Structure formats: C-alpha cells, structure tokens
C-alpha cells in the first residue's frame, strides 16, 4: 500500500494506492475518518467495482452512499461535481465523511 499526500497546506489530503484493496475489508480501516462514506464512480466502473467496495466498507462499520456519474472527459466539470455536492448534502454527511473515488482507465 502506498500513501501519497496532496500538499495544500491546511487543505492537504491523502491518496492511497494499493493492489487488491477492494478484496480486503481490513484495507479500508486506515482510510476511514468516520462512519460515513460516499463512493463516487462512473457508469463504466460501477458495475465492476461498486458492490465490492461498498461491501468492504460496510464490513468495516461504515455507512455507504454512492453517486454514479456519466463516463467521459466531457463530464469532468464543476456542473457534474455539483451532483456529488448535492448527494453529500442530502444525506447525513459531515467533515469526517470519507470520499472514495473509483475511476481512471477502466474498460468494460
């Protein structure tokens, strides 16, 4: 498991990269900061990984919500991010909600 830090002063945050992370619920324990998580993914990757990651997080004691976005570069915009923000506001998510992004280079 490799952890990188995006250094933004007070807004810094970690990114974790690991092989087999989806298959081991214990792998998620160091990632969670509270008991809520929001999974953000796209229409291509959701059928491949969403249920597995949701299950692993739930086994770690986390309540999980998800947002499935359209796939493609044209959807990487602030307007589409508003969908994520709205979903976070509609549920009991706070500053300690763990955001899990599933994306990048997936094929059907």
PDB file of N, CA and C in Angstrom:
ATOM      1  N   UNK A   1       0.852  -1.174   0.000  1.00  0.00           N
ATOM      2  CA  UNK A   1       0.000   0.000   0.000  1.00  0.00           C
ATOM      3  C   UNK A   1       0.893   1.230   0.000  1.00  0.00           C
ATOM      4  N   UNK A   2       0.600   2.148  -0.896  1.00  0.00           N
ATOM      5  CA  UNK A   2       1.361   3.387  -0.968  1.00  0.00           C
ATOM      6  C   UNK A   2       0.430   4.554  -0.670  1.00  0.00           C
ATOM      7  N   UNK A   3       0.884   5.425   0.207  1.00  0.00           N
ATOM      8  CA  UNK A   3       0.090   6.617   0.544  1.00  0.00           C
ATOM      9  C   UNK A   3       0.838   7.847   0.058  1.00  0.00           C
ATOM     10  N   UNK A   4       0.136   8.662  -0.675  1.00  0.00           N
ATOM     11  CA  UNK A   4       0.673   9.927  -1.154  1.00  0.00           C
ATOM     12  C   UNK A   4      -0.116  11.043  -0.489  1.00  0.00           C
ATOM     13  N   UNK A   5       0.512  12.181  -0.330  1.00  0.00           N
ATOM     14  CA  UNK A   5      -0.183  13.324   0.236  1.00  0.00           C
ATOM     15  C   UNK A   5      -0.222  14.441  -0.788  1.00  0.00           C
ATOM     16  N   UNK A   6      -1.412  14.928  -1.059  1.00  0.00           N
ATOM     17  CA  UNK A   6      -1.574  16.117  -1.885  1.00  0.00           C
ATOM     18  C   UNK A   6      -1.384  17.284  -0.928  1.00  0.00           C
ATOM     19  N   UNK A   7      -0.296  17.995  -1.095  1.00  0.00           N
ATOM     20  CA  UNK A   7       0.092  19.034  -0.153  1.00  0.00           C
ATOM     21  C   UNK A   7      -0.533  20.366  -0.551  1.00  0.00           C
ATOM     22  N   UNK A   8      -1.507  20.769   0.243  1.00  0.00           N
ATOM     23  CA  UNK A   8      -2.218  22.028   0.014  1.00  0.00           C
ATOM     24  C   UNK A   8      -2.360  22.801   1.324  1.00  0.00           C
ATOM     25  N   UNK A   9      -1.309  22.786   2.110  1.00  0.00           N
ATOM     26  CA  UNK A   9      -1.369  23.484   3.391  1.00  0.00           C
ATOM     27  C   UNK A   9      -2.414  22.858   4.290  1.00  0.00           C
ATOM     28  N   UNK A  10      -3.330  23.675   4.787  1.00  0.00           N
ATOM     29  CA  UNK A  10      -4.385  23.179   5.674  1.00  0.00           C
ATOM     30  C   UNK A  10      -5.390  22.294   4.954  1.00  0.00           C
ATOM     31  N   UNK A  11      -5.377  22.310   3.628  1.00  0.00           N
ATOM     32  CA  UNK A  11      -6.327  21.509   2.848  1.00  0.00           C
ATOM     33  C   UNK A  11      -5.683  20.245   2.286  1.00  0.00           C
ATOM     34  N   UNK A  12      -4.547  19.835   2.810  1.00  0.00           N
ATOM     35  CA  UNK A  12      -3.862  18.628   2.339  1.00  0.00           C
ATOM     36  C   UNK A  12      -4.713  17.397   2.601  1.00  0.00           C
ATOM     37  N   UNK A  13      -4.540  16.378   1.757  1.00  0.00           N
ATOM     38  CA  UNK A  13      -5.290  15.137   1.946  1.00  0.00           C
ATOM     39  C   UNK A  13      -4.495  13.958   1.397  1.00  0.00           C
ATOM     40  N   UNK A  14      -4.736  12.757   1.941  1.00  0.00           N
ATOM     41  CA  UNK A  14      -4.001  11.573   1.489  1.00  0.00           C
ATOM     42  C   UNK A  14      -4.703  10.882   0.319  1.00  0.00           C
ATOM     43  N   UNK A  15      -3.906  10.215  -0.496  1.00  0.00           N
ATOM     44  CA  UNK A  15      -4.396   9.319  -1.542  1.00  0.00           C
ATOM     45  C   UNK A  15      -3.717   7.982  -1.302  1.00  0.00           C
ATOM     46  N   UNK A  16      -4.488   6.904  -1.306  1.00  0.00           N
ATOM     47  CA  UNK A  16      -3.940   5.570  -1.089  1.00  0.00           C
ATOM     48  C   UNK A  16      -4.047   4.765  -2.373  1.00  0.00           C
ATOM     49  N   UNK A  17      -2.946   4.115  -2.743  1.00  0.00           N
ATOM     50  CA  UNK A  17      -2.889   3.277  -3.939  1.00  0.00           C
ATOM     51  C   UNK A  17      -2.436   1.896  -3.494  1.00  0.00           C
ATOM     52  N   UNK A  18      -3.193   0.866  -3.876  1.00  0.00           N
ATOM     53  CA  UNK A  18      -2.821  -0.484  -3.452  1.00  0.00           C
ATOM     54  C   UNK A  18      -3.457  -1.522  -4.363  1.00  0.00           C
ATOM     55  N   UNK A  19      -2.729  -2.596  -4.612  1.00  0.00           N
ATOM     56  CA  UNK A  19      -3.277  -3.739  -5.346  1.00  0.00           C
ATOM     57  C   UNK A  19      -4.106  -4.574  -4.386  1.00  0.00           C
ATOM     58  N   UNK A  20      -5.246  -5.071  -4.844  1.00  0.00           N
ATOM     59  CA  UNK A  20      -6.078  -5.938  -4.024  1.00  0.00           C
ATOM     60  C   UNK A  20      -6.840  -5.233  -2.928  1.00  0.00           C
ATOM     61  N   UNK A  21      -6.842  -3.933  -2.938  1.00  0.00           N
ATOM     62  CA  UNK A  21      -7.506  -3.150  -1.890  1.00  0.00           C
ATOM     63  C   UNK A  21      -8.987  -3.477  -1.800  1.00  0.00           C
ATOM     64  N   UNK A  22      -9.616  -3.720  -2.934  1.00  0.00           N
ATOM     65  CA  UNK A  22     -11.055  -3.981  -2.956  1.00  0.00           C
ATOM     66  C   UNK A  22     -11.437  -5.295  -2.299  1.00  0.00           C
ATOM     67  N   UNK A  23     -10.535  -6.248  -2.265  1.00  0.00           N
ATOM     68  CA  UNK A  23     -10.869  -7.588  -1.786  1.00  0.00           C
ATOM     69  C   UNK A  23     -10.629  -7.803  -0.300  1.00  0.00           C
ATOM     70  N   UNK A  24     -10.052  -6.834   0.383  1.00  0.00           N
ATOM     71  CA  UNK A  24      -9.713  -6.992   1.793  1.00  0.00           C
ATOM     72  C   UNK A  24     -10.344  -5.868   2.608  1.00  0.00           C
ATOM     73  N   UNK A  25     -11.464  -6.149   3.276  1.00  0.00           N
ATOM     74  CA  UNK A  25     -12.129  -5.098   4.054  1.00  0.00           C
ATOM     75  C   UNK A  25     -11.211  -4.403   5.052  1.00  0.00           C
ATOM     76  N   UNK A  26     -10.257  -5.114   5.616  1.00  0.00           N
ATOM     77  CA  UNK A  26      -9.346  -4.506   6.588  1.00  0.00           C
ATOM     78  C   UNK A  26      -8.488  -3.413   5.949  1.00  0.00           C
ATOM     79  N   UNK A  27      -8.305  -3.479   4.643  1.00  0.00           N
ATOM     80  CA  UNK A  27      -7.517  -2.460   3.949  1.00  0.00           C
ATOM     81  C   UNK A  27      -8.153  -1.082   4.041  1.00  0.00           C
ATOM     82  N   UNK A  28      -9.462  -1.050   4.244  1.00  0.00           N
ATOM     83  CA  UNK A  28     -10.157   0.227   4.290  1.00  0.00           C
ATOM     84  C   UNK A  28     -10.077   0.901   5.657  1.00  0.00           C
ATOM     85  N   UNK A  29      -9.726   0.160   6.689  1.00  0.00           N
ATOM     86  CA  UNK A  29      -9.715   0.735   8.036  1.00  0.00           C
ATOM     87  C   UNK A  29      -8.828   1.970   8.164  1.00  0.00           C
ATOM     88  N   UNK A  30      -7.590   1.961   7.628  1.00  0.00           N
ATOM     89  CA  UNK A  30      -6.785   3.177   7.776  1.00  0.00           C
ATOM     90  C   UNK A  30      -7.292   4.351   6.937  1.00  0.00           C
ATOM     91  N   UNK A  31      -8.189   4.089   6.010  1.00  0.00           N
ATOM     92  CA  UNK A  31      -8.678   5.146   5.128  1.00  0.00           C
ATOM     93  C   UNK A  31      -9.842   5.923   5.715  1.00  0.00           C
ATOM     94  N   UNK A  32     -10.608   5.285   6.567  1.00  0.00           N
ATOM     95  CA  UNK A  32     -11.825   5.942   7.041  1.00  0.00           C
ATOM     96  C   UNK A  32     -11.526   6.919   8.166  1.00  0.00           C
ATOM     97  N   UNK A  33     -12.263   8.016   8.135  1.00  0.00           N
ATOM     98  CA  UNK A  33     -12.089   9.018   9.180  1.00  0.00           C
ATOM     99  C   UNK A  33     -13.343   9.137  10.039  1.00  0.00           C
ATOM    100  N   UNK A  34     -14.410   8.480   9.637  1.00  0.00           N
ATOM    101  CA  UNK A  34     -15.657   8.498  10.388  1.00  0.00           C
ATOM    102  C   UNK A  34     -16.471   7.281  10.021  1.00  0.00           C
ATOM    103  N   UNK A  35     -17.771   7.332  10.289  1.00  0.00           N
ATOM    104  CA  UNK A  35     -18.596   6.161   9.992  1.00  0.00           C
ATOM    105  C   UNK A  35     -19.476   6.362   8.760  1.00  0.00           C
ATOM    106  N   UNK A  36     -19.161   7.391   7.957  1.00  0.00           N
ATOM    107  CA  UNK A  36     -19.882   7.650   6.715  1.00  0.00           C
ATOM    108  C   UNK A  36     -18.895   7.677   5.550  1.00  0.00           C
ATOM    109  N   UNK A  37     -19.329   7.155   4.404  1.00  0.00           N
ATOM    110  CA  UNK A  37     -18.512   7.230   3.192  1.00  0.00           C
ATOM    111  C   UNK A  37     -19.409   7.531   2.000  1.00  0.00           C
ATOM    112  N   UNK A  38     -18.837   8.210   1.035  1.00  0.00           N
ATOM    113  CA  UNK A  38     -19.509   8.460  -0.238  1.00  0.00           C
ATOM    114  C   UNK A  38     -18.610   7.901  -1.335  1.00  0.00           C
ATOM    115  N   UNK A  39     -19.138   6.932  -2.076  1.00  0.00           N
ATOM    116  CA  UNK A  39     -18.423   6.375  -3.219  1.00  0.00           C
ATOM    117  C   UNK A  39     -18.820   7.166  -4.451  1.00  0.00           C
ATOM    118  N   UNK A  40     -17.840   7.624  -5.193  1.00  0.00           N
ATOM    119  CA  UNK A  40     -18.088   8.363  -6.427  1.00  0.00           C
ATOM    120  C   UNK A  40     -17.422   7.588  -7.551  1.00  0.00           C
ATOM    121  N   UNK A  41     -18.213   7.221  -8.552  1.00  0.00           N
ATOM    122  CA  UNK A  41     -17.671   6.457  -9.667  1.00  0.00           C
ATOM    123  C   UNK A  41     -18.438   6.814 -10.930  1.00  0.00           C
ATOM    124  N   UNK A  42     -18.136   6.097 -12.008  1.00  0.00           N
ATOM    125  CA  UNK A  42     -18.830   6.372 -13.263  1.00  0.00           C
ATOM    126  C   UNK A  42     -19.582   5.133 -13.741  1.00  0.00           C
ATOM    127  N   UNK A  43     -20.358   5.327 -14.797  1.00  0.00           N
ATOM    128  CA  UNK A  43     -21.211   4.257 -15.317  1.00  0.00           C
ATOM    129  C   UNK A  43     -20.428   3.047 -15.811  1.00  0.00           C
ATOM    130  N   UNK A  44     -19.173   3.238 -16.199  1.00  0.00           N
ATOM    131  CA  UNK A  44     -18.350   2.125 -16.677  1.00  0.00           C
ATOM    132  C   UNK A  44     -17.847   1.274 -15.523  1.00  0.00           C
ATOM    133  N   UNK A  45     -17.365   1.924 -14.473  1.00  0.00           N
ATOM    134  CA  UNK A  45     -16.743   1.196 -13.368  1.00  0.00           C
ATOM    135  C   UNK A  45     -17.724   0.726 -12.304  1.00  0.00           C
ATOM    136  N   UNK A  46     -18.867   1.370 -12.188  1.00  0.00           N
ATOM    137  CA  UNK A  46     -19.843   0.979 -11.162  1.00  0.00           C
ATOM    138  C   UNK A  46     -20.209  -0.498 -11.227  1.00  0.00           C
ATOM    139  N   UNK A  47     -20.539  -1.054 -12.403  1.00  0.00           N
ATOM    140  CA  UNK A  47     -20.896  -2.475 -12.432  1.00  0.00           C
ATOM    141  C   UNK A  47     -19.727  -3.401 -12.085  1.00  0.00           C
ATOM    142  N   UNK A  48     -18.509  -2.917 -12.254  1.00  0.00           N
ATOM    143  CA  UNK A  48     -17.327  -3.743 -11.996  1.00  0.00           C
ATOM    144  C   UNK A  48     -16.908  -3.737 -10.530  1.00  0.00           C
ATOM    145  N   UNK A  49     -16.997  -2.587  -9.861  1.00  0.00           N
ATOM    146  CA  UNK A  49     -16.384  -2.449  -8.538  1.00  0.00           C
ATOM    147  C   UNK A  49     -17.282  -1.918  -7.427  1.00  0.00           C
ATOM    148  N   UNK A  50     -18.380  -1.276  -7.746  1.00  0.00           N
ATOM    149  CA  UNK A  50     -19.160  -0.581  -6.722  1.00  0.00           C
ATOM    150  C   UNK A  50     -19.632  -1.506  -5.605  1.00  0.00           C
ATOM    151  N   UNK A  51     -20.228  -2.636  -5.942  1.00  0.00           N
ATOM    152  CA  UNK A  51     -20.743  -3.536  -4.907  1.00  0.00           C
ATOM    153  C   UNK A  51     -19.630  -4.106  -4.036  1.00  0.00           C
ATOM    154  N   UNK A  52     -18.485  -4.412  -4.644  1.00  0.00           N
ATOM    155  CA  UNK A  52     -17.354  -4.968  -3.886  1.00  0.00           C
ATOM    156  C   UNK A  52     -16.819  -3.952  -2.885  1.00  0.00           C
ATOM    157  N   UNK A  53     -16.633  -2.724  -3.337  1.00  0.00           N
ATOM    158  CA  UNK A  53     -16.100  -1.683  -2.451  1.00  0.00           C
ATOM    159  C   UNK A  53     -17.125  -1.322  -1.380  1.00  0.00           C
ATOM    160  N   UNK A  54     -18.392  -1.219  -1.769  1.00  0.00           N
ATOM    161  CA  UNK A  54     -19.445  -0.933  -0.789  1.00  0.00           C
ATOM    162  C   UNK A  54     -19.448  -1.997   0.308  1.00  0.00           C
ATOM    163  N   UNK A  55     -19.405  -3.257  -0.087  1.00  0.00           N
ATOM    164  CA  UNK A  55     -19.426  -4.361   0.874  1.00  0.00           C
ATOM    165  C   UNK A  55     -18.228  -4.308   1.812  1.00  0.00           C
ATOM    166  N   UNK A  56     -17.043  -4.046   1.258  1.00  0.00           N
ATOM    167  CA  UNK A  56     -15.840  -3.979   2.091  1.00  0.00           C
ATOM    168  C   UNK A  56     -15.943  -2.847   3.107  1.00  0.00           C
ATOM    169  N   UNK A  57     -16.429  -1.702   2.682  1.00  0.00           N
ATOM    170  CA  UNK A  57     -16.585  -0.582   3.612  1.00  0.00           C
ATOM    171  C   UNK A  57     -17.632  -0.883   4.675  1.00  0.00           C
ATOM    172  N   UNK A  58     -18.745  -1.475   4.265  1.00  0.00           N
ATOM    173  CA  UNK A  58     -19.795  -1.808   5.232  1.00  0.00           C
ATOM    174  C   UNK A  58     -19.299  -2.825   6.253  1.00  0.00           C
ATOM    175  N   UNK A  59     -18.464  -3.773   5.822  1.00  0.00           N
ATOM    176  CA  UNK A  59     -17.885  -4.743   6.758  1.00  0.00           C
ATOM    177  C   UNK A  59     -16.933  -4.067   7.739  1.00  0.00           C
ATOM    178  N   UNK A  60     -16.434  -2.886   7.374  1.00  0.00           N
ATOM    179  CA  UNK A  60     -15.559  -2.116   8.259  1.00  0.00           C
ATOM    180  C   UNK A  60     -16.355  -1.181   9.162  1.00  0.00           C
ATOM    181  N   UNK A  61     -17.690  -1.293   9.134  1.00  0.00           N
ATOM    182  CA  UNK A  61     -18.532  -0.485  10.002  1.00  0.00           C
ATOM    183  C   UNK A  61     -18.883   0.889   9.461  1.00  0.00           C
ATOM    184  N   UNK A  62     -18.846   1.043   8.150  1.00  0.00           N
ATOM    185  CA  UNK A  62     -19.104   2.335   7.530  1.00  0.00           C
ATOM    186  C   UNK A  62     -20.458   2.314   6.823  1.00  0.00           C
ATOM    187  N   UNK A  63     -21.240   3.378   6.993  1.00  0.00           N
ATOM    188  CA  UNK A  63     -22.475   3.565   6.228  1.00  0.00           C
ATOM    189  C   UNK A  63     -22.091   4.174   4.885  1.00  0.00           C
ATOM    190  N   UNK A  64     -22.550   3.573   3.796  1.00  0.00           N
ATOM    191  CA  UNK A  64     -22.074   3.952   2.468  1.00  0.00           C
ATOM    192  C   UNK A  64     -23.209   4.472   1.589  1.00  0.00           C
ATOM    193  N   UNK A  65     -22.965   5.609   0.966  1.00  0.00           N
ATOM    194  CA  UNK A  65     -23.818   6.140  -0.090  1.00  0.00           C
ATOM    195  C   UNK A  65     -22.964   6.200  -1.352  1.00  0.00           C
ATOM    196  N   UNK A  66     -23.615   6.340  -2.496  1.00  0.00           N
ATOM    197  CA  UNK A  66     -22.837   6.393  -3.731  1.00  0.00           C
ATOM    198  C   UNK A  66     -23.463   7.340  -4.739  1.00  0.00           C
ATOM    199  N   UNK A  67     -22.610   7.819  -5.626  1.00  0.00           N
ATOM    200  CA  UNK A  67     -23.018   8.646  -6.753  1.00  0.00           C
ATOM    201  C   UNK A  67     -22.380   8.035  -7.991  1.00  0.00           C
ATOM    202  N   UNK A  68     -23.203   7.759  -8.995  1.00  0.00           N
ATOM    203  CA  UNK A  68     -22.695   7.224 -10.258  1.00  0.00           C
ATOM    204  C   UNK A  68     -22.846   8.317 -11.309  1.00  0.00           C
ATOM    205  N   UNK A  69     -21.711   8.728 -11.855  1.00  0.00           N
ATOM    206  CA  UNK A  69     -21.671   9.811 -12.826  1.00  0.00           C
ATOM    207  C   UNK A  69     -21.533   9.254 -14.241  1.00  0.00           C
ATOM    208  N   UNK A  70     -21.871  10.045 -15.248  1.00  0.00           N
ATOM    209  CA  UNK A  70     -21.618   9.612 -16.622  1.00  0.00           C
ATOM    210  C   UNK A  70     -20.114   9.460 -16.844  1.00  0.00           C
ATOM    211  N   UNK A  71     -19.736   8.655 -17.810  1.00  0.00           N
ATOM    212  CA  UNK A  71     -18.327   8.415 -18.116  1.00  0.00           C
ATOM    213  C   UNK A  71     -17.892   9.304 -19.273  1.00  0.00           C
ATOM    214  N   UNK A  72     -16.696   9.827 -19.194  1.00  0.00           N
ATOM    215  CA  UNK A  72     -16.147  10.610 -20.297  1.00  0.00           C
ATOM    216  C   UNK A  72     -15.563  11.929 -19.830  1.00  0.00           C
ATOM    217  N   UNK A  73     -14.597  12.398 -20.596  1.00  0.00           N
ATOM    218  CA  UNK A  73     -13.903  13.643 -20.259  1.00  0.00           C
ATOM    219  C   UNK A  73     -14.856  14.833 -20.178  1.00  0.00           C
ATOM    220  N   UNK A  74     -15.898  14.846 -21.011  1.00  0.00           N
ATOM    221  CA  UNK A  74     -16.815  15.981 -21.027  1.00  0.00           C
ATOM    222  C   UNK A  74     -17.592  16.120 -19.724  1.00  0.00           C
ATOM    223  N   UNK A  75     -17.581  15.080 -18.884  1.00  0.00           N
ATOM    224  CA  UNK A  75     -18.310  15.128 -17.616  1.00  0.00           C
ATOM    225  C   UNK A  75     -17.424  15.512 -16.437  1.00  0.00           C
ATOM    226  N   UNK A  76     -16.178  15.817 -16.691  1.00  0.00           N
ATOM    227  CA  UNK A  76     -15.281  16.270 -15.631  1.00  0.00           C
ATOM    228  C   UNK A  76     -15.401  17.789 -15.553  1.00  0.00           C
ATOM    229  N   UNK A  77     -16.451  18.227 -14.851  1.00  0.00           N
ATOM    230  CA  UNK A  77     -16.752  19.659 -14.802  1.00  0.00           C
ATOM    231  C   UNK A  77     -17.323  20.029 -13.433  1.00  0.00           C
ATOM    232  N   UNK A  78     -17.362  21.311 -13.171  1.00  0.00           N
ATOM    233  CA  UNK A  78     -17.957  21.783 -11.921  1.00  0.00           C
ATOM    234  C   UNK A  78     -19.450  21.492 -11.876  1.00  0.00           C
ATOM    235  N   UNK A  79     -20.103  21.528 -13.022  1.00  0.00           N
ATOM    236  CA  UNK A  79     -21.536  21.230 -13.058  1.00  0.00           C
ATOM    237  C   UNK A  79     -21.802  19.796 -12.611  1.00  0.00           C
ATOM    238  N   UNK A  80     -20.968  18.868 -13.031  1.00  0.00           N
ATOM    239  CA  UNK A  80     -21.134  17.470 -12.623  1.00  0.00           C
ATOM    240  C   UNK A  80     -20.729  17.300 -11.160  1.00  0.00           C
ATOM    241  N   UNK A  81     -19.721  18.031 -10.710  1.00  0.00           N
ATOM    242  CA  UNK A  81     -19.337  17.970  -9.296  1.00  0.00           C
ATOM    243  C   UNK A  81     -20.483  18.424  -8.403  1.00  0.00           C
ATOM    244  N   UNK A  82     -21.323  19.301  -8.899  1.00  0.00           N
ATOM    245  CA  UNK A  82     -22.490  19.734  -8.139  1.00  0.00           C
ATOM    246  C   UNK A  82     -23.383  18.543  -7.789  1.00  0.00           C
ATOM    247  N   UNK A  83     -23.413  17.536  -8.648  1.00  0.00           N
ATOM    248  CA  UNK A  83     -24.166  16.307  -8.370  1.00  0.00           C
ATOM    249  C   UNK A  83     -23.624  15.631  -7.114  1.00  0.00           C
ATOM    250  N   UNK A  84     -22.304  15.593  -6.990  1.00  0.00           N
ATOM    251  CA  UNK A  84     -21.671  14.986  -5.813  1.00  0.00           C
ATOM    252  C   UNK A  84     -21.972  15.823  -4.570  1.00  0.00           C
ATOM    253  N   UNK A  85     -21.819  17.127  -4.679  1.00  0.00           N
ATOM    254  CA  UNK A  85     -22.093  18.005  -3.536  1.00  0.00           C
ATOM    255  C   UNK A  85     -23.540  17.878  -3.073  1.00  0.00           C
ATOM    256  N   UNK A  86     -24.458  17.819  -4.019  1.00  0.00           N
ATOM    257  CA  UNK A  86     -25.876  17.676  -3.679  1.00  0.00           C
ATOM    258  C   UNK A  86     -26.129  16.362  -2.953  1.00  0.00           C
ATOM    259  N   UNK A  87     -25.526  15.278  -3.436  1.00  0.00           N
ATOM    260  CA  UNK A  87     -25.693  13.972  -2.783  1.00  0.00           C
ATOM    261  C   UNK A  87     -25.147  14.002  -1.358  1.00  0.00           C
ATOM    262  N   UNK A  88     -24.022  14.669  -1.148  1.00  0.00           N
ATOM    263  CA  UNK A  88     -23.458  14.784   0.199  1.00  0.00           C
ATOM    264  C   UNK A  88     -24.388  15.567   1.122  1.00  0.00           C
ATOM    265  N   UNK A  89     -25.018  16.589   0.598  1.00  0.00           N
ATOM    266  CA  UNK A  89     -25.910  17.415   1.411  1.00  0.00           C
ATOM    267  C   UNK A  89     -27.242  16.739   1.710  1.00  0.00           C
ATOM    268  N   UNK A  90     -27.667  15.818   0.854  1.00  0.00           N
ATOM    269  CA  UNK A  90     -28.956  15.156   1.041  1.00  0.00           C
ATOM    270  C   UNK A  90     -28.910  14.059   2.097  1.00  0.00           C
ATOM    271  N   UNK A  91     -27.744  13.611   2.461  1.00  0.00           N
ATOM    272  CA  UNK A  91     -27.567  12.559   3.462  1.00  0.00           C
ATOM    273  C   UNK A  91     -26.819  13.150   4.655  1.00  0.00           C
ATOM    274  N   UNK A  92     -26.724  12.410   5.751  1.00  0.00           N
ATOM    275  CA  UNK A  92     -26.051  12.960   6.942  1.00  0.00           C
ATOM    276  C   UNK A  92     -24.523  12.899   6.847  1.00  0.00           C
ATOM    277  N   UNK A  93     -23.959  13.574   5.850  1.00  0.00           N
ATOM    278  CA  UNK A  93     -22.509  13.577   5.692  1.00  0.00           C
ATOM    279  C   UNK A  93     -21.924  14.836   6.312  1.00  0.00           C
ATOM    280  N   UNK A  94     -20.778  14.663   6.955  1.00  0.00           N
ATOM    281  CA  UNK A  94     -20.106  15.782   7.589  1.00  0.00           C
ATOM    282  C   UNK A  94     -18.656  15.849   7.161  1.00  0.00           C
ATOM    283  N   UNK A  95     -17.891  16.603   7.924  1.00  0.00           N
ATOM    284  CA  UNK A  95     -16.475  16.800   7.598  1.00  0.00           C
ATOM    285  C   UNK A  95     -15.669  15.515   7.704  1.00  0.00           C
ATOM    286  N   UNK A  96     -16.181  14.539   8.465  1.00  0.00           N
ATOM    287  CA  UNK A  96     -15.437  13.293   8.623  1.00  0.00           C
ATOM    288  C   UNK A  96     -15.883  12.211   7.635  1.00  0.00           C
ATOM    289  N   UNK A  97     -16.728  12.552   6.673  1.00  0.00           N
ATOM    290  CA  UNK A  97     -17.120  11.592   5.642  1.00  0.00           C
ATOM    291  C   UNK A  97     -15.911  11.268   4.777  1.00  0.00           C
ATOM    292  N   UNK A  98     -15.694   9.988   4.534  1.00  0.00           N
ATOM    293  CA  UNK A  98     -14.615   9.547   3.659  1.00  0.00           C
ATOM    294  C   UNK A  98     -15.138   9.501   2.232  1.00  0.00           C
ATOM    295  N   UNK A  99     -14.462  10.213   1.326  1.00  0.00           N
ATOM    296  CA  UNK A  99     -14.817  10.166  -0.088  1.00  0.00           C
ATOM    297  C   UNK A  99     -13.932   9.135  -0.772  1.00  0.00           C
ATOM    298  N   UNK A 100     -14.554   8.204  -1.473  1.00  0.00           N
ATOM    299  CA  UNK A 100     -13.821   7.171  -2.203  1.00  0.00           C
ATOM    300  C   UNK A 100     -14.153   7.350  -3.676  1.00  0.00           C
ATOM    301  N   UNK A 101     -13.141   7.629  -4.484  1.00  0.00           N
ATOM    302  CA  UNK A 101     -13.335   7.814  -5.918  1.00  0.00           C
ATOM    303  C   UNK A 101     -12.830   6.582  -6.654  1.00  0.00           C
ATOM    304  N   UNK A 102     -13.706   5.984  -7.450  1.00  0.00           N
ATOM    305  CA  UNK A 102     -13.338   4.844  -8.282  1.00  0.00           C
ATOM    306  C   UNK A 102     -13.345   5.332  -9.718  1.00  0.00           C
ATOM    307  N   UNK A 103     -12.180   5.434 -10.310  1.00  0.00           N
ATOM    308  CA  UNK A 103     -12.139   5.937 -11.675  1.00  0.00           C
ATOM    309  C   UNK A 103     -10.771   5.776 -12.289  1.00  0.00           C
ATOM    310  N   UNK A 104     -10.727   6.076 -13.559  1.00  0.00           N
ATOM    311  CA  UNK A 104      -9.456   6.099 -14.261  1.00  0.00           C
ATOM    312  C   UNK A 104      -9.127   4.845 -15.027  1.00  0.00           C
ATOM    313  N   UNK A 105      -9.167   4.938 -16.326  1.00  0.00           N
ATOM    314  CA  UNK A 105      -8.652   3.884 -17.190  1.00  0.00           C
ATOM    315  C   UNK A 105      -9.400   2.574 -17.188  1.00  0.00           C
ATOM    316  N   UNK A 106     -10.636   2.542 -16.764  1.00  0.00           N
ATOM    317  CA  UNK A 106     -11.379   1.283 -16.741  1.00  0.00           C
ATOM    318  C   UNK A 106     -11.972   0.941 -18.094  1.00  0.00           C
ATOM    319  N   UNK A 107     -12.078  -0.339 -18.373  1.00  0.00           N
ATOM    320  CA  UNK A 107     -12.723  -0.818 -19.592  1.00  0.00           C
ATOM    321  C   UNK A 107     -13.878  -1.704 -19.212  1.00  0.00           C
ATOM    322  N   UNK A 108     -14.838  -1.798 -20.105  1.00  0.00           N
ATOM    323  CA  UNK A 108     -15.980  -2.688 -19.876  1.00  0.00           C
ATOM    324  C   UNK A 108     -15.552  -4.119 -20.020  1.00  0.00           C
TER     325      UNK A 108
END
